[in-house]
Amino acid sequence: GIQQETRDKVITYRKPEDQRKWLYEN
């Protein structure tokens, strides 16, 4: 639901290297 929305945006709009960076920050 709403709790998956942030991750959905990460998957949709970020490249793998940016996904890893996002995970470190969040």
mmCIF file of all heavy atoms, coordinates in Angstrom:
data_MODEL
# 
_entry.id   MODEL 
# 
loop_
_atom_site.group_PDB 
_atom_site.id 
_atom_site.type_symbol 
_atom_site.label_atom_id 
_atom_site.label_alt_id 
_atom_site.label_comp_id 
_atom_site.label_asym_id 
_atom_site.label_entity_id 
_atom_site.label_seq_id 
_atom_site.pdbx_PDB_ins_code 
_atom_site.Cartn_x 
_atom_site.Cartn_y 
_atom_site.Cartn_z 
_atom_site.occupancy 
_atom_site.B_iso_or_equiv 
_atom_site.pdbx_formal_charge 
_atom_site.auth_seq_id 
_atom_site.auth_comp_id 
_atom_site.auth_asym_id 
_atom_site.auth_atom_id 
_atom_site.pdbx_PDB_model_num 
ATOM 1   N N   . GLY A 1 1  ? 0.810  -1.216 0.000   1.00 0.00 ? 1  GLY A N   1 
ATOM 2   C CA  . GLY A 1 1  ? 0.000  0.000  0.000   1.00 0.00 ? 1  GLY A CA  1 
ATOM 3   C C   . GLY A 1 1  ? 0.842  1.263  0.000   1.00 0.00 ? 1  GLY A C   1 
ATOM 4   O O   . GLY A 1 1  ? 1.824  1.394  -0.722  1.00 0.00 ? 1  GLY A O   1 
ATOM 5   N N   . ILE A 1 2  ? 0.434  2.200  0.840   1.00 0.00 ? 2  ILE A N   1 
ATOM 6   C CA  . ILE A 1 2  ? 1.122  3.497  0.882   1.00 0.00 ? 2  ILE A CA  1 
ATOM 7   C C   . ILE A 1 2  ? 2.568  3.334  1.341   1.00 0.00 ? 2  ILE A C   1 
ATOM 8   O O   . ILE A 1 2  ? 3.455  4.092  0.916   1.00 0.00 ? 2  ILE A O   1 
ATOM 9   C CB  . ILE A 1 2  ? 0.331  4.468  1.780   1.00 0.00 ? 2  ILE A CB  1 
ATOM 10  C CG1 . ILE A 1 2  ? -1.016 4.787  1.116   1.00 0.00 ? 2  ILE A CG1 1 
ATOM 11  C CG2 . ILE A 1 2  ? 1.103  5.769  2.018   1.00 0.00 ? 2  ILE A CG2 1 
ATOM 12  C CD1 . ILE A 1 2  ? -1.959 5.617  1.956   1.00 0.00 ? 2  ILE A CD1 1 
ATOM 13  N N   . GLN A 1 3  ? 2.842  2.326  2.170   1.00 0.00 ? 3  GLN A N   1 
ATOM 14  C CA  . GLN A 1 3  ? 4.216  2.135  2.646   1.00 0.00 ? 3  GLN A CA  1 
ATOM 15  C C   . GLN A 1 3  ? 5.167  1.651  1.546   1.00 0.00 ? 3  GLN A C   1 
ATOM 16  O O   . GLN A 1 3  ? 6.380  1.738  1.708   1.00 0.00 ? 3  GLN A O   1 
ATOM 17  C CB  . GLN A 1 3  ? 4.242  1.173  3.840   1.00 0.00 ? 3  GLN A CB  1 
ATOM 18  C CG  . GLN A 1 3  ? 3.585  1.730  5.098   1.00 0.00 ? 3  GLN A CG  1 
ATOM 19  C CD  . GLN A 1 3  ? 4.366  1.412  6.356   1.00 0.00 ? 3  GLN A CD  1 
ATOM 20  O OE1 . GLN A 1 3  ? 5.472  1.923  6.553   1.00 0.00 ? 3  GLN A OE1 1 
ATOM 21  N NE2 . GLN A 1 3  ? 3.802  0.578  7.221   1.00 0.00 ? 3  GLN A NE2 1 
ATOM 22  N N   . GLN A 1 4  ? 4.624  1.152  0.437   1.00 0.00 ? 4  GLN A N   1 
ATOM 23  C CA  . GLN A 1 4  ? 5.514  0.718  -0.657  1.00 0.00 ? 4  GLN A CA  1 
ATOM 24  C C   . GLN A 1 4  ? 5.785  1.830  -1.665  1.00 0.00 ? 4  GLN A C   1 
ATOM 25  O O   . GLN A 1 4  ? 6.607  1.669  -2.565  1.00 0.00 ? 4  GLN A O   1 
ATOM 26  C CB  . GLN A 1 4  ? 4.937  -0.511 -1.359  1.00 0.00 ? 4  GLN A CB  1 
ATOM 27  C CG  . GLN A 1 4  ? 3.602  -0.310 -2.050  1.00 0.00 ? 4  GLN A CG  1 
ATOM 28  C CD  . GLN A 1 4  ? 3.645  0.305  -3.423  1.00 0.00 ? 4  GLN A CD  1 
ATOM 29  O OE1 . GLN A 1 4  ? 4.462  -0.092 -4.256  1.00 0.00 ? 4  GLN A OE1 1 
ATOM 30  N NE2 . GLN A 1 4  ? 2.765  1.265  -3.690  1.00 0.00 ? 4  GLN A NE2 1 
ATOM 31  N N   . GLU A 1 5  ? 5.083  2.953  -1.552  1.00 0.00 ? 5  GLU A N   1 
ATOM 32  C CA  . GLU A 1 5  ? 5.177  3.971  -2.592  1.00 0.00 ? 5  GLU A CA  1 
ATOM 33  C C   . GLU A 1 5  ? 6.585  4.547  -2.754  1.00 0.00 ? 5  GLU A C   1 
ATOM 34  O O   . GLU A 1 5  ? 7.042  4.782  -3.876  1.00 0.00 ? 5  GLU A O   1 
ATOM 35  C CB  . GLU A 1 5  ? 4.182  5.093  -2.299  1.00 0.00 ? 5  GLU A CB  1 
ATOM 36  C CG  . GLU A 1 5  ? 2.736  4.677  -2.504  1.00 0.00 ? 5  GLU A CG  1 
ATOM 37  C CD  . GLU A 1 5  ? 1.744  5.806  -2.270  1.00 0.00 ? 5  GLU A CD  1 
ATOM 38  O OE1 . GLU A 1 5  ? 2.186  6.930  -1.930  1.00 0.00 ? 5  GLU A OE1 1 
ATOM 39  O OE2 . GLU A 1 5  ? 0.541  5.561  -2.413  1.00 0.00 ? 5  GLU A OE2 1 
ATOM 40  N N   . THR A 1 6  ? 7.268  4.774  -1.650  1.00 0.00 ? 6  THR A N   1 
ATOM 41  C CA  . THR A 1 6  ? 8.621  5.323  -1.739  1.00 0.00 ? 6  THR A CA  1 
ATOM 42  C C   . THR A 1 6  ? 9.536  4.363  -2.488  1.00 0.00 ? 6  THR A C   1 
ATOM 43  O O   . THR A 1 6  ? 10.303 4.774  -3.386  1.00 0.00 ? 6  THR A O   1 
ATOM 44  C CB  . THR A 1 6  ? 9.187  5.592  -0.342  1.00 0.00 ? 6  THR A CB  1 
ATOM 45  O OG1 . THR A 1 6  ? 8.314  6.484  0.359   1.00 0.00 ? 6  THR A OG1 1 
ATOM 46  C CG2 . THR A 1 6  ? 10.568 6.214  -0.425  1.00 0.00 ? 6  THR A CG2 1 
ATOM 47  N N   . ARG A 1 7  ? 9.462  3.074  -2.130  1.00 0.00 ? 7  ARG A N   1 
ATOM 48  C CA  . ARG A 1 7  ? 10.302 2.087  -2.826  1.00 0.00 ? 7  ARG A CA  1 
ATOM 49  C C   . ARG A 1 7  ? 9.909  1.956  -4.297  1.00 0.00 ? 7  ARG A C   1 
ATOM 50  O O   . ARG A 1 7  ? 10.767 1.785  -5.169  1.00 0.00 ? 7  ARG A O   1 
ATOM 51  C CB  . ARG A 1 7  ? 10.181 0.726  -2.143  1.00 0.00 ? 7  ARG A CB  1 
ATOM 52  C CG  . ARG A 1 7  ? 11.271 0.386  -1.141  1.00 0.00 ? 7  ARG A CG  1 
ATOM 53  C CD  . ARG A 1 7  ? 11.120 1.082  0.146   1.00 0.00 ? 7  ARG A CD  1 
ATOM 54  N NE  . ARG A 1 7  ? 12.248 0.841  1.046   1.00 0.00 ? 7  ARG A NE  1 
ATOM 55  C CZ  . ARG A 1 7  ? 12.399 1.467  2.211   1.00 0.00 ? 7  ARG A CZ  1 
ATOM 56  N NH1 . ARG A 1 7  ? 11.503 2.369  2.585   1.00 0.00 ? 7  ARG A NH1 1 
ATOM 57  N NH2 . ARG A 1 7  ? 13.442 1.226  2.974   1.00 0.00 ? 7  ARG A NH2 1 
ATOM 58  N N   . ASP A 1 8  ? 8.623  2.043  -4.580  1.00 0.00 ? 8  ASP A N   1 
ATOM 59  C CA  . ASP A 1 8  ? 8.173  1.979  -5.967  1.00 0.00 ? 8  ASP A CA  1 
ATOM 60  C C   . ASP A 1 8  ? 8.819  3.085  -6.797  1.00 0.00 ? 8  ASP A C   1 
ATOM 61  O O   . ASP A 1 8  ? 9.265  2.851  -7.933  1.00 0.00 ? 8  ASP A O   1 
ATOM 62  C CB  . ASP A 1 8  ? 6.649  2.102  -6.017  1.00 0.00 ? 8  ASP A CB  1 
ATOM 63  C CG  . ASP A 1 8  ? 6.121  2.188  -7.437  1.00 0.00 ? 8  ASP A CG  1 
ATOM 64  O OD1 . ASP A 1 8  ? 6.263  1.213  -8.190  1.00 0.00 ? 8  ASP A OD1 1 
ATOM 65  O OD2 . ASP A 1 8  ? 5.592  3.257  -7.805  1.00 0.00 ? 8  ASP A OD2 1 
ATOM 66  N N   . LYS A 1 9  ? 8.898  4.292  -6.242  1.00 0.00 ? 9  LYS A N   1 
ATOM 67  C CA  . LYS A 1 9  ? 9.539  5.409  -6.958  1.00 0.00 ? 9  LYS A CA  1 
ATOM 68  C C   . LYS A 1 9  ? 11.033 5.154  -7.146  1.00 0.00 ? 9  LYS A C   1 
ATOM 69  O O   . LYS A 1 9  ? 11.612 5.508  -8.177  1.00 0.00 ? 9  LYS A O   1 
ATOM 70  C CB  . LYS A 1 9  ? 9.307  6.711  -6.205  1.00 0.00 ? 9  LYS A CB  1 
ATOM 71  C CG  . LYS A 1 9  ? 7.868  7.213  -6.259  1.00 0.00 ? 9  LYS A CG  1 
ATOM 72  C CD  . LYS A 1 9  ? 7.730  8.536  -5.537  1.00 0.00 ? 9  LYS A CD  1 
ATOM 73  C CE  . LYS A 1 9  ? 6.332  9.112  -5.667  1.00 0.00 ? 9  LYS A CE  1 
ATOM 74  N NZ  . LYS A 1 9  ? 5.301  8.284  -5.053  1.00 0.00 ? 9  LYS A NZ  1 
ATOM 75  N N   . VAL A 1 10 ? 11.671 4.564  -6.138  1.00 0.00 ? 10 VAL A N   1 
ATOM 76  C CA  . VAL A 1 10 ? 13.101 4.245  -6.244  1.00 0.00 ? 10 VAL A CA  1 
ATOM 77  C C   . VAL A 1 10 ? 13.330 3.253  -7.384  1.00 0.00 ? 10 VAL A C   1 
ATOM 78  O O   . VAL A 1 10 ? 14.258 3.412  -8.201  1.00 0.00 ? 10 VAL A O   1 
ATOM 79  C CB  . VAL A 1 10 ? 13.631 3.675  -4.918  1.00 0.00 ? 10 VAL A CB  1 
ATOM 80  C CG1 . VAL A 1 10 ? 15.046 3.121  -5.082  1.00 0.00 ? 10 VAL A CG1 1 
ATOM 81  C CG2 . VAL A 1 10 ? 13.617 4.755  -3.841  1.00 0.00 ? 10 VAL A CG2 1 
ATOM 82  N N   . ILE A 1 11 ? 12.472 2.230  -7.458  1.00 0.00 ? 11 ILE A N   1 
ATOM 83  C CA  . ILE A 1 11 ? 12.609 1.215  -8.505  1.00 0.00 ? 11 ILE A CA  1 
ATOM 84  C C   . ILE A 1 11 ? 12.362 1.829  -9.887  1.00 0.00 ? 11 ILE A C   1 
ATOM 85  O O   . ILE A 1 11 ? 13.080 1.552  -10.849 1.00 0.00 ? 11 ILE A O   1 
ATOM 86  C CB  . ILE A 1 11 ? 11.620 0.059  -8.253  1.00 0.00 ? 11 ILE A CB  1 
ATOM 87  C CG1 . ILE A 1 11 ? 11.970 -0.656 -6.942  1.00 0.00 ? 11 ILE A CG1 1 
ATOM 88  C CG2 . ILE A 1 11 ? 11.616 -0.923 -9.413  1.00 0.00 ? 11 ILE A CG2 1 
ATOM 89  C CD1 . ILE A 1 11 ? 10.882 -1.596 -6.449  1.00 0.00 ? 11 ILE A CD1 1 
ATOM 90  N N   . THR A 1 12 ? 11.337 2.675  -9.973  1.00 0.00 ? 12 THR A N   1 
ATOM 91  C CA  . THR A 1 12 ? 10.905 3.206  -11.264 1.00 0.00 ? 12 THR A CA  1 
ATOM 92  C C   . THR A 1 12 ? 11.846 4.278  -11.808 1.00 0.00 ? 12 THR A C   1 
ATOM 93  O O   . THR A 1 12 ? 12.141 4.311  -13.010 1.00 0.00 ? 12 THR A O   1 
ATOM 94  C CB  . THR A 1 12 ? 9.482  3.780  -11.147 1.00 0.00 ? 12 THR A CB  1 
ATOM 95  O OG1 . THR A 1 12 ? 8.601  2.764  -10.670 1.00 0.00 ? 12 THR A OG1 1 
ATOM 96  C CG2 . THR A 1 12 ? 8.980  4.295  -12.489 1.00 0.00 ? 12 THR A CG2 1 
ATOM 97  N N   . TYR A 1 13 ? 12.326 5.144  -10.933 1.00 0.00 ? 13 TYR A N   1 
ATOM 98  C CA  . TYR A 1 13 ? 13.010 6.349  -11.404 1.00 0.00 ? 13 TYR A CA  1 
ATOM 99  C C   . TYR A 1 13 ? 14.513 6.396  -11.124 1.00 0.00 ? 13 TYR A C   1 
ATOM 100 O O   . TYR A 1 13 ? 15.187 7.315  -11.576 1.00 0.00 ? 13 TYR A O   1 
ATOM 101 C CB  . TYR A 1 13 ? 12.357 7.584  -10.787 1.00 0.00 ? 13 TYR A CB  1 
ATOM 102 C CG  . TYR A 1 13 ? 10.898 7.730  -11.142 1.00 0.00 ? 13 TYR A CG  1 
ATOM 103 C CD1 . TYR A 1 13 ? 9.909  7.588  -10.179 1.00 0.00 ? 13 TYR A CD1 1 
ATOM 104 C CD2 . TYR A 1 13 ? 10.505 7.992  -12.451 1.00 0.00 ? 13 TYR A CD2 1 
ATOM 105 C CE1 . TYR A 1 13 ? 8.557  7.708  -10.502 1.00 0.00 ? 13 TYR A CE1 1 
ATOM 106 C CE2 . TYR A 1 13 ? 9.162  8.109  -12.789 1.00 0.00 ? 13 TYR A CE2 1 
ATOM 107 C CZ  . TYR A 1 13 ? 8.196  7.968  -11.810 1.00 0.00 ? 13 TYR A CZ  1 
ATOM 108 O OH  . TYR A 1 13 ? 6.877  8.079  -12.129 1.00 0.00 ? 13 TYR A OH  1 
ATOM 109 N N   . ARG A 1 14 ? 15.059 5.436  -10.386 1.00 0.00 ? 14 ARG A N   1 
ATOM 110 C CA  . ARG A 1 14 ? 16.490 5.488  -10.074 1.00 0.00 ? 14 ARG A CA  1 
ATOM 111 C C   . ARG A 1 14 ? 17.246 4.331  -10.729 1.00 0.00 ? 14 ARG A C   1 
ATOM 112 O O   . ARG A 1 14 ? 16.766 3.200  -10.758 1.00 0.00 ? 14 ARG A O   1 
ATOM 113 C CB  . ARG A 1 14 ? 16.723 5.448  -8.558  1.00 0.00 ? 14 ARG A CB  1 
ATOM 114 C CG  . ARG A 1 14 ? 16.276 6.727  -7.848  1.00 0.00 ? 14 ARG A CG  1 
ATOM 115 C CD  . ARG A 1 14 ? 16.484 6.598  -6.351  1.00 0.00 ? 14 ARG A CD  1 
ATOM 116 N NE  . ARG A 1 14 ? 16.068 7.799  -5.637  1.00 0.00 ? 14 ARG A NE  1 
ATOM 117 C CZ  . ARG A 1 14 ? 16.888 8.745  -5.213  1.00 0.00 ? 14 ARG A CZ  1 
ATOM 118 N NH1 . ARG A 1 14 ? 18.194 8.614  -5.407  1.00 0.00 ? 14 ARG A NH1 1 
ATOM 119 N NH2 . ARG A 1 14 ? 16.434 9.805  -4.562  1.00 0.00 ? 14 ARG A NH2 1 
ATOM 120 N N   . LYS A 1 15 ? 18.452 4.643  -11.187 1.00 0.00 ? 15 LYS A N   1 
ATOM 121 C CA  . LYS A 1 15 ? 19.339 3.617  -11.722 1.00 0.00 ? 15 LYS A CA  1 
ATOM 122 C C   . LYS A 1 15 ? 19.914 2.810  -10.568 1.00 0.00 ? 15 LYS A C   1 
ATOM 123 O O   . LYS A 1 15 ? 19.918 3.266  -9.415  1.00 0.00 ? 15 LYS A O   1 
ATOM 124 C CB  . LYS A 1 15 ? 20.464 4.276  -12.529 1.00 0.00 ? 15 LYS A CB  1 
ATOM 125 C CG  . LYS A 1 15 ? 19.957 5.024  -13.761 1.00 0.00 ? 15 LYS A CG  1 
ATOM 126 C CD  . LYS A 1 15 ? 21.111 5.701  -14.498 1.00 0.00 ? 15 LYS A CD  1 
ATOM 127 C CE  . LYS A 1 15 ? 20.600 6.456  -15.718 1.00 0.00 ? 15 LYS A CE  1 
ATOM 128 N NZ  . LYS A 1 15 ? 21.691 7.153  -16.441 1.00 0.00 ? 15 LYS A NZ  1 
ATOM 129 N N   . PRO A 1 16 ? 20.421 1.596  -10.845 1.00 0.00 ? 16 PRO A N   1 
ATOM 130 C CA  . PRO A 1 16 ? 20.926 0.734  -9.764  1.00 0.00 ? 16 PRO A CA  1 
ATOM 131 C C   . PRO A 1 16 ? 21.931 1.412  -8.834  1.00 0.00 ? 16 PRO A C   1 
ATOM 132 O O   . PRO A 1 16 ? 21.861 1.253  -7.608  1.00 0.00 ? 16 PRO A O   1 
ATOM 133 C CB  . PRO A 1 16 ? 21.555 -0.442 -10.520 1.00 0.00 ? 16 PRO A CB  1 
ATOM 134 C CG  . PRO A 1 16 ? 20.739 -0.536 -11.763 1.00 0.00 ? 16 PRO A CG  1 
ATOM 135 C CD  . PRO A 1 16 ? 20.412 0.889  -12.131 1.00 0.00 ? 16 PRO A CD  1 
ATOM 136 N N   . GLU A 1 17 ? 22.875 2.192  -9.403  1.00 0.00 ? 17 GLU A N   1 
ATOM 137 C CA  . GLU A 1 17 ? 23.865 2.835  -8.524  1.00 0.00 ? 17 GLU A CA  1 
ATOM 138 C C   . GLU A 1 17 ? 23.213 3.884  -7.621  1.00 0.00 ? 17 GLU A C   1 
ATOM 139 O O   . GLU A 1 17 ? 23.644 4.091  -6.478  1.00 0.00 ? 17 GLU A O   1 
ATOM 140 C CB  . GLU A 1 17 ? 24.988 3.465  -9.346  1.00 0.00 ? 17 GLU A CB  1 
ATOM 141 C CG  . GLU A 1 17 ? 24.532 4.495  -10.378 1.00 0.00 ? 17 GLU A CG  1 
ATOM 142 C CD  . GLU A 1 17 ? 24.245 3.910  -11.734 1.00 0.00 ? 17 GLU A CD  1 
ATOM 143 O OE1 . GLU A 1 17 ? 23.910 2.700  -11.819 1.00 0.00 ? 17 GLU A OE1 1 
ATOM 144 O OE2 . GLU A 1 17 ? 24.358 4.651  -12.726 1.00 0.00 ? 17 GLU A OE2 1 
ATOM 145 N N   . ASP A 1 18 ? 22.150 4.539  -8.125  1.00 0.00 ? 18 ASP A N   1 
ATOM 146 C CA  . ASP A 1 18 ? 21.431 5.513  -7.309  1.00 0.00 ? 18 ASP A CA  1 
ATOM 147 C C   . ASP A 1 18 ? 20.532 4.813  -6.287  1.00 0.00 ? 18 ASP A C   1 
ATOM 148 O O   . ASP A 1 18 ? 20.284 5.340  -5.205  1.00 0.00 ? 18 ASP A O   1 
ATOM 149 C CB  . ASP A 1 18 ? 20.591 6.437  -8.193  1.00 0.00 ? 18 ASP A CB  1 
ATOM 150 C CG  . ASP A 1 18 ? 21.441 7.347  -9.051  1.00 0.00 ? 18 ASP A CG  1 
ATOM 151 O OD1 . ASP A 1 18 ? 22.536 7.730  -8.587  1.00 0.00 ? 18 ASP A OD1 1 
ATOM 152 O OD2 . ASP A 1 18 ? 21.032 7.660  -10.188 1.00 0.00 ? 18 ASP A OD2 1 
ATOM 153 N N   . GLN A 1 19 ? 20.043 3.625  -6.643  1.00 0.00 ? 19 GLN A N   1 
ATOM 154 C CA  . GLN A 1 19 ? 19.249 2.849  -5.691  1.00 0.00 ? 19 GLN A CA  1 
ATOM 155 C C   . GLN A 1 19 ? 20.086 2.473  -4.468  1.00 0.00 ? 19 GLN A C   1 
ATOM 156 O O   . GLN A 1 19 ? 19.638 2.597  -3.325  1.00 0.00 ? 19 GLN A O   1 
ATOM 157 C CB  . GLN A 1 19 ? 18.711 1.578  -6.356  1.00 0.00 ? 19 GLN A CB  1 
ATOM 158 C CG  . GLN A 1 19 ? 17.655 1.836  -7.420  1.00 0.00 ? 19 GLN A CG  1 
ATOM 159 C CD  . GLN A 1 19 ? 17.199 0.558  -8.102  1.00 0.00 ? 19 GLN A CD  1 
ATOM 160 O OE1 . GLN A 1 19 ? 17.661 -0.544 -7.778  1.00 0.00 ? 19 GLN A OE1 1 
ATOM 161 N NE2 . GLN A 1 19 ? 16.297 0.693  -9.072  1.00 0.00 ? 19 GLN A NE2 1 
ATOM 162 N N   . ARG A 1 20 ? 21.299 2.022  -4.719  1.00 0.00 ? 20 ARG A N   1 
ATOM 163 C CA  . ARG A 1 20 ? 22.187 1.652  -3.603  1.00 0.00 ? 20 ARG A CA  1 
ATOM 164 C C   . ARG A 1 20 ? 22.473 2.874  -2.731  1.00 0.00 ? 20 ARG A C   1 
ATOM 165 O O   . ARG A 1 20 ? 22.423 2.790  -1.498  1.00 0.00 ? 20 ARG A O   1 
ATOM 166 C CB  . ARG A 1 20 ? 23.492 1.055  -4.144  1.00 0.00 ? 20 ARG A CB  1 
ATOM 167 C CG  . ARG A 1 20 ? 24.488 0.640  -3.054  1.00 0.00 ? 20 ARG A CG  1 
ATOM 168 C CD  . ARG A 1 20 ? 25.755 0.109  -3.690  1.00 0.00 ? 20 ARG A CD  1 
ATOM 169 N NE  . ARG A 1 20 ? 25.549 -1.186 -4.301  1.00 0.00 ? 20 ARG A NE  1 
ATOM 170 C CZ  . ARG A 1 20 ? 25.722 -2.345 -3.668  1.00 0.00 ? 20 ARG A CZ  1 
ATOM 171 N NH1 . ARG A 1 20 ? 26.111 -2.366 -2.400  1.00 0.00 ? 20 ARG A NH1 1 
ATOM 172 N NH2 . ARG A 1 20 ? 25.523 -3.484 -4.297  1.00 0.00 ? 20 ARG A NH2 1 
ATOM 173 N N   . LYS A 1 21 ? 22.738 4.008  -3.353  1.00 0.00 ? 21 LYS A N   1 
ATOM 174 C CA  . LYS A 1 21 ? 22.988 5.236  -2.590  1.00 0.00 ? 21 LYS A CA  1 
ATOM 175 C C   . LYS A 1 21 ? 21.771 5.609  -1.761  1.00 0.00 ? 21 LYS A C   1 
ATOM 176 O O   . LYS A 1 21 ? 21.883 5.988  -0.589  1.00 0.00 ? 21 LYS A O   1 
ATOM 177 C CB  . LYS A 1 21 ? 23.343 6.369  -3.550  1.00 0.00 ? 21 LYS A CB  1 
ATOM 178 C CG  . LYS A 1 21 ? 23.647 7.691  -2.861  1.00 0.00 ? 21 LYS A CG  1 
ATOM 179 C CD  . LYS A 1 21 ? 23.983 8.780  -3.879  1.00 0.00 ? 21 LYS A CD  1 
ATOM 180 C CE  . LYS A 1 21 ? 24.217 10.119 -3.181  1.00 0.00 ? 21 LYS A CE  1 
ATOM 181 N NZ  . LYS A 1 21 ? 24.514 11.207 -4.153  1.00 0.00 ? 21 LYS A NZ  1 
ATOM 182 N N   . TRP A 1 22 ? 20.587 5.480  -2.362  1.00 0.00 ? 22 TRP A N   1 
ATOM 183 C CA  . TRP A 1 22 ? 19.354 5.795  -1.643  1.00 0.00 ? 22 TRP A CA  1 
ATOM 184 C C   . TRP A 1 22 ? 19.191 4.881  -0.435  1.00 0.00 ? 22 TRP A C   1 
ATOM 185 O O   . TRP A 1 22 ? 18.774 5.328  0.646   1.00 0.00 ? 22 TRP A O   1 
ATOM 186 C CB  . TRP A 1 22 ? 18.153 5.651  -2.595  1.00 0.00 ? 22 TRP A CB  1 
ATOM 187 C CG  . TRP A 1 22 ? 16.852 6.071  -1.968  1.00 0.00 ? 22 TRP A CG  1 
ATOM 188 C CD1 . TRP A 1 22 ? 16.292 7.311  -1.989  1.00 0.00 ? 22 TRP A CD1 1 
ATOM 189 C CD2 . TRP A 1 22 ? 15.966 5.237  -1.216  1.00 0.00 ? 22 TRP A CD2 1 
ATOM 190 N NE1 . TRP A 1 22 ? 15.111 7.313  -1.297  1.00 0.00 ? 22 TRP A NE1 1 
ATOM 191 C CE2 . TRP A 1 22 ? 14.877 6.054  -0.801  1.00 0.00 ? 22 TRP A CE2 1 
ATOM 192 C CE3 . TRP A 1 22 ? 15.973 3.901  -0.832  1.00 0.00 ? 22 TRP A CE3 1 
ATOM 193 C CZ2 . TRP A 1 22 ? 13.814 5.561  -0.047  1.00 0.00 ? 22 TRP A CZ2 1 
ATOM 194 C CZ3 . TRP A 1 22 ? 14.918 3.400  -0.070  1.00 0.00 ? 22 TRP A CZ3 1 
ATOM 195 C CH2 . TRP A 1 22 ? 13.858 4.229  0.304   1.00 0.00 ? 22 TRP A CH2 1 
ATOM 196 N N   . LEU A 1 23 ? 19.499 3.615  -0.588  1.00 0.00 ? 23 LEU A N   1 
ATOM 197 C CA  . LEU A 1 23 ? 19.379 2.670  0.528   1.00 0.00 ? 23 LEU A CA  1 
ATOM 198 C C   . LEU A 1 23 ? 20.316 3.039  1.675   1.00 0.00 ? 23 LEU A C   1 
ATOM 199 O O   . LEU A 1 23 ? 19.933 2.953  2.856   1.00 0.00 ? 23 LEU A O   1 
ATOM 200 C CB  . LEU A 1 23 ? 19.664 1.243  0.045   1.00 0.00 ? 23 LEU A CB  1 
ATOM 201 C CG  . LEU A 1 23 ? 18.540 0.583  -0.762  1.00 0.00 ? 23 LEU A CG  1 
ATOM 202 C CD1 . LEU A 1 23 ? 19.051 -0.681 -1.441  1.00 0.00 ? 23 LEU A CD1 1 
ATOM 203 C CD2 . LEU A 1 23 ? 17.350 0.267  0.134   1.00 0.00 ? 23 LEU A CD2 1 
ATOM 204 N N   . TYR A 1 24 ? 21.525 3.467  1.345   1.00 0.00 ? 24 TYR A N   1 
ATOM 205 C CA  . TYR A 1 24 ? 22.438 3.909  2.403   1.00 0.00 ? 24 TYR A CA  1 
ATOM 206 C C   . TYR A 1 24 ? 21.858 5.104  3.163   1.00 0.00 ? 24 TYR A C   1 
ATOM 207 O O   . TYR A 1 24 ? 21.976 5.201  4.387   1.00 0.00 ? 24 TYR A O   1 
ATOM 208 C CB  . TYR A 1 24 ? 23.801 4.289  1.816   1.00 0.00 ? 24 TYR A CB  1 
ATOM 209 C CG  . TYR A 1 24 ? 24.772 3.135  1.703   1.00 0.00 ? 24 TYR A CG  1 
ATOM 210 C CD1 . TYR A 1 24 ? 25.120 2.609  0.465   1.00 0.00 ? 24 TYR A CD1 1 
ATOM 211 C CD2 . TYR A 1 24 ? 25.338 2.578  2.844   1.00 0.00 ? 24 TYR A CD2 1 
ATOM 212 C CE1 . TYR A 1 24 ? 26.009 1.548  0.357   1.00 0.00 ? 24 TYR A CE1 1 
ATOM 213 C CE2 . TYR A 1 24 ? 26.225 1.513  2.751   1.00 0.00 ? 24 TYR A CE2 1 
ATOM 214 C CZ  . TYR A 1 24 ? 26.566 0.996  1.513   1.00 0.00 ? 24 TYR A CZ  1 
ATOM 215 O OH  . TYR A 1 24 ? 27.439 -0.063 1.425   1.00 0.00 ? 24 TYR A OH  1 
ATOM 216 N N   . GLU A 1 25 ? 21.209 6.003  2.431   1.00 0.00 ? 25 GLU A N   1 
ATOM 217 C CA  . GLU A 1 25 ? 20.695 7.216  3.061   1.00 0.00 ? 25 GLU A CA  1 
ATOM 218 C C   . GLU A 1 25 ? 19.396 6.993  3.818   1.00 0.00 ? 25 GLU A C   1 
ATOM 219 O O   . GLU A 1 25 ? 19.043 7.771  4.699   1.00 0.00 ? 25 GLU A O   1 
ATOM 220 C CB  . GLU A 1 25 ? 20.476 8.295  1.987   1.00 0.00 ? 25 GLU A CB  1 
ATOM 221 C CG  . GLU A 1 25 ? 21.761 8.787  1.349   1.00 0.00 ? 25 GLU A CG  1 
ATOM 222 C CD  . GLU A 1 25 ? 21.512 9.687  0.152   1.00 0.00 ? 25 GLU A CD  1 
ATOM 223 O OE1 . GLU A 1 25 ? 20.347 9.749  -0.320  1.00 0.00 ? 25 GLU A OE1 1 
ATOM 224 O OE2 . GLU A 1 25 ? 22.472 10.318 -0.331  1.00 0.00 ? 25 GLU A OE2 1 
ATOM 225 N N   . ASN A 1 26 ? 18.681 5.914  3.497   1.00 0.00 ? 26 ASN A N   1 
ATOM 226 C CA  . ASN A 1 26 ? 17.335 5.747  4.044   1.00 0.00 ? 26 ASN A CA  1 
ATOM 227 C C   . ASN A 1 26 ? 17.127 4.446  4.815   1.00 0.00 ? 26 ASN A C   1 
ATOM 228 O O   . ASN A 1 26 ? 15.991 4.082  5.116   1.00 0.00 ? 26 ASN A O   1 
ATOM 229 C CB  . ASN A 1 26 ? 16.306 5.827  2.914   1.00 0.00 ? 26 ASN A CB  1 
ATOM 230 C CG  . ASN A 1 26 ? 16.217 7.216  2.307   1.00 0.00 ? 26 ASN A CG  1 
ATOM 231 O OD1 . ASN A 1 26 ? 15.508 8.075  2.796   1.00 0.00 ? 26 ASN A OD1 1 
ATOM 232 N ND2 . ASN A 1 26 ? 16.956 7.429  1.224   1.00 0.00 ? 26 ASN A ND2 1 
# 
